Protein backbone atom coordinates (compact mmCIF):
# COMPACT_ATOMS: atom_id res chain seq x y z
CA MET A 1 149.39 98.53 44.68
CA ARG A 2 147.38 101.55 45.10
CA LEU A 3 148.54 103.95 48.07
CA GLU A 4 146.45 107.10 49.14
CA ALA A 5 148.19 109.99 50.89
CA THR A 6 146.97 113.26 52.49
CA VAL A 7 149.06 116.25 51.39
CA PRO A 8 148.90 120.10 51.97
CA ASP A 9 147.03 121.59 49.08
CA SER A 10 149.96 123.49 47.85
CA ARG A 11 152.05 120.41 47.50
CA GLY A 12 149.02 118.81 45.67
CA ALA A 13 148.94 121.46 43.19
CA ALA A 14 152.72 121.64 42.65
CA VAL A 15 152.33 117.71 42.02
CA GLN A 16 149.73 118.49 39.82
CA GLU A 17 151.55 121.32 37.88
CA LEU A 18 154.81 119.05 37.48
CA ALA A 19 152.54 116.48 35.99
CA ASP A 20 151.26 118.82 33.74
CA GLN A 21 154.60 120.00 32.84
CA LEU A 22 156.53 116.98 32.23
CA GLY A 23 153.38 114.99 30.48
CA LEU A 24 153.22 112.45 33.36
CA SER A 25 150.14 111.44 35.47
CA ARG A 26 150.08 112.09 39.14
CA SER A 27 150.85 108.54 40.02
CA GLN A 28 153.85 108.53 37.95
CA ILE A 29 155.28 111.71 39.83
CA ILE A 30 154.63 110.31 43.02
CA ASP A 31 156.48 107.03 41.96
CA GLU A 32 159.37 108.90 41.08
CA ALA A 33 159.70 110.93 44.66
CA LEU A 34 159.24 107.27 46.17
CA SER A 35 162.34 106.24 44.06
CA LEU A 36 164.25 109.06 45.12
CA PHE A 37 163.22 109.12 48.71
CA LEU A 38 163.71 105.45 49.11
CA LYS A 39 167.52 106.04 47.37
CA ALA A 40 167.51 108.72 49.93
CA VAL A 41 167.24 106.20 52.95
CA LEU A 42 169.61 103.48 51.55
CA GLU A 43 172.33 106.43 51.04
CA ILE A 44 171.63 108.04 54.42
CA ARG A 45 171.98 104.76 56.03
CA GLN A 46 175.63 104.16 54.46
CA GLY A 47 176.54 106.99 56.11
CA ARG A 48 176.52 109.44 53.11
CA ARG A 49 174.52 112.64 52.48
CA LEU A 50 172.73 113.73 49.31
CA VAL A 51 173.84 116.89 47.48
CA THR A 52 173.41 118.47 44.20
CA GLN A 53 176.55 120.05 42.38
CA ASP A 54 176.79 122.50 39.34
CA PRO A 55 178.14 120.49 36.57
CA ARG A 56 180.59 123.20 36.05
CA GLY A 57 181.80 123.33 39.57
CA SER A 58 181.50 126.78 39.86
CA GLN A 59 178.87 126.78 42.48
CA ALA A 60 178.85 125.61 46.21
CA LEU A 61 177.53 122.23 47.04
CA CYS A 62 173.59 122.22 48.25
CA GLU A 63 172.75 119.54 50.68
CA LEU A 64 169.30 117.81 50.17
CA THR A 65 167.54 117.05 53.19
CA THR A 66 164.03 116.43 55.04
CA PRO A 67 162.97 116.15 58.42
CA THR A 68 162.94 112.33 58.10
CA LEU A 69 166.29 111.82 56.89
CA THR A 70 167.88 113.92 59.24
CA THR A 71 166.43 112.18 62.01
CA LEU A 72 167.65 109.06 60.33
CA GLU A 73 171.27 110.47 59.95
CA TRP A 74 171.43 111.41 63.88
CA ALA A 75 169.94 107.96 64.64
CA LEU A 76 173.01 106.34 62.93
CA SER A 77 175.75 108.46 64.34
CA SER A 78 175.59 107.39 67.93
CA GLU A 79 178.71 107.77 70.32
CA LYS A 80 179.78 106.51 73.51
CA LEU A 81 178.43 108.96 76.25
CA GLU A 82 180.83 108.55 79.48
CA LEU A 83 179.76 110.31 82.79
CA PRO A 84 181.63 110.78 85.97
CA GLU A 85 180.23 108.23 88.91
CA ALA A 86 179.10 111.19 90.51
CA ALA A 87 176.56 112.65 87.76
CA LEU A 88 175.49 108.96 87.48
CA ALA A 89 174.61 108.67 91.33
CA LYS A 90 172.65 111.79 90.95
CA MET A 91 170.76 110.66 88.12
CA GLN A 92 169.88 107.56 90.00
CA GLU A 93 168.67 109.54 93.03
CA LEU A 94 166.72 111.93 90.94
CA VAL A 95 164.92 108.89 89.64
CA ASP A 96 164.52 107.06 92.97
CA ALA A 97 163.06 110.19 94.87
CA PRO A 98 161.78 113.10 92.02
CA THR A 99 160.91 116.12 93.66
CA LYS A 100 157.21 117.30 94.25
CA PRO A 101 155.83 119.43 91.87
CA SER A 102 155.50 123.03 92.98
CA GLU A 103 152.41 124.65 93.11
CA ARG A 104 152.99 127.03 90.12
CA LEU A 105 153.75 123.59 88.06
CA ARG A 106 150.31 122.32 89.24
CA ALA A 107 148.64 125.43 88.48
CA ALA A 108 150.04 125.50 85.07
CA ALA A 109 149.02 121.66 84.87
CA LYS A 110 145.36 122.46 85.58
CA ARG A 111 145.53 125.44 83.17
CA HIS A 112 146.45 123.10 80.24
CA GLY A 113 143.94 120.15 81.21
CA ARG A 114 146.14 117.59 82.71
């Protein structure tokens, strides 16, 4: 399958440099990267985290993460939220009768084209 992606110039240069160093094609580098990302997503979905570890065990662990993996981890760790009845009533009140926007808010909206 042929895929096309747009990446920052600096990352594209890093891919080319790595491909040259390892004697691989850019496609092979991208395939390796996708394999790692897919594995990372599977592990995060299992509630695990990805880390690197010094084989001698003398260094602290270094966690590997990306914005997408962090978002996925947060989305999977839900907690039940219990609010007092008064808080729920206040929220419903605000939904049913929202306050009118102030002049300052209207002016700010006009400045930003809304």
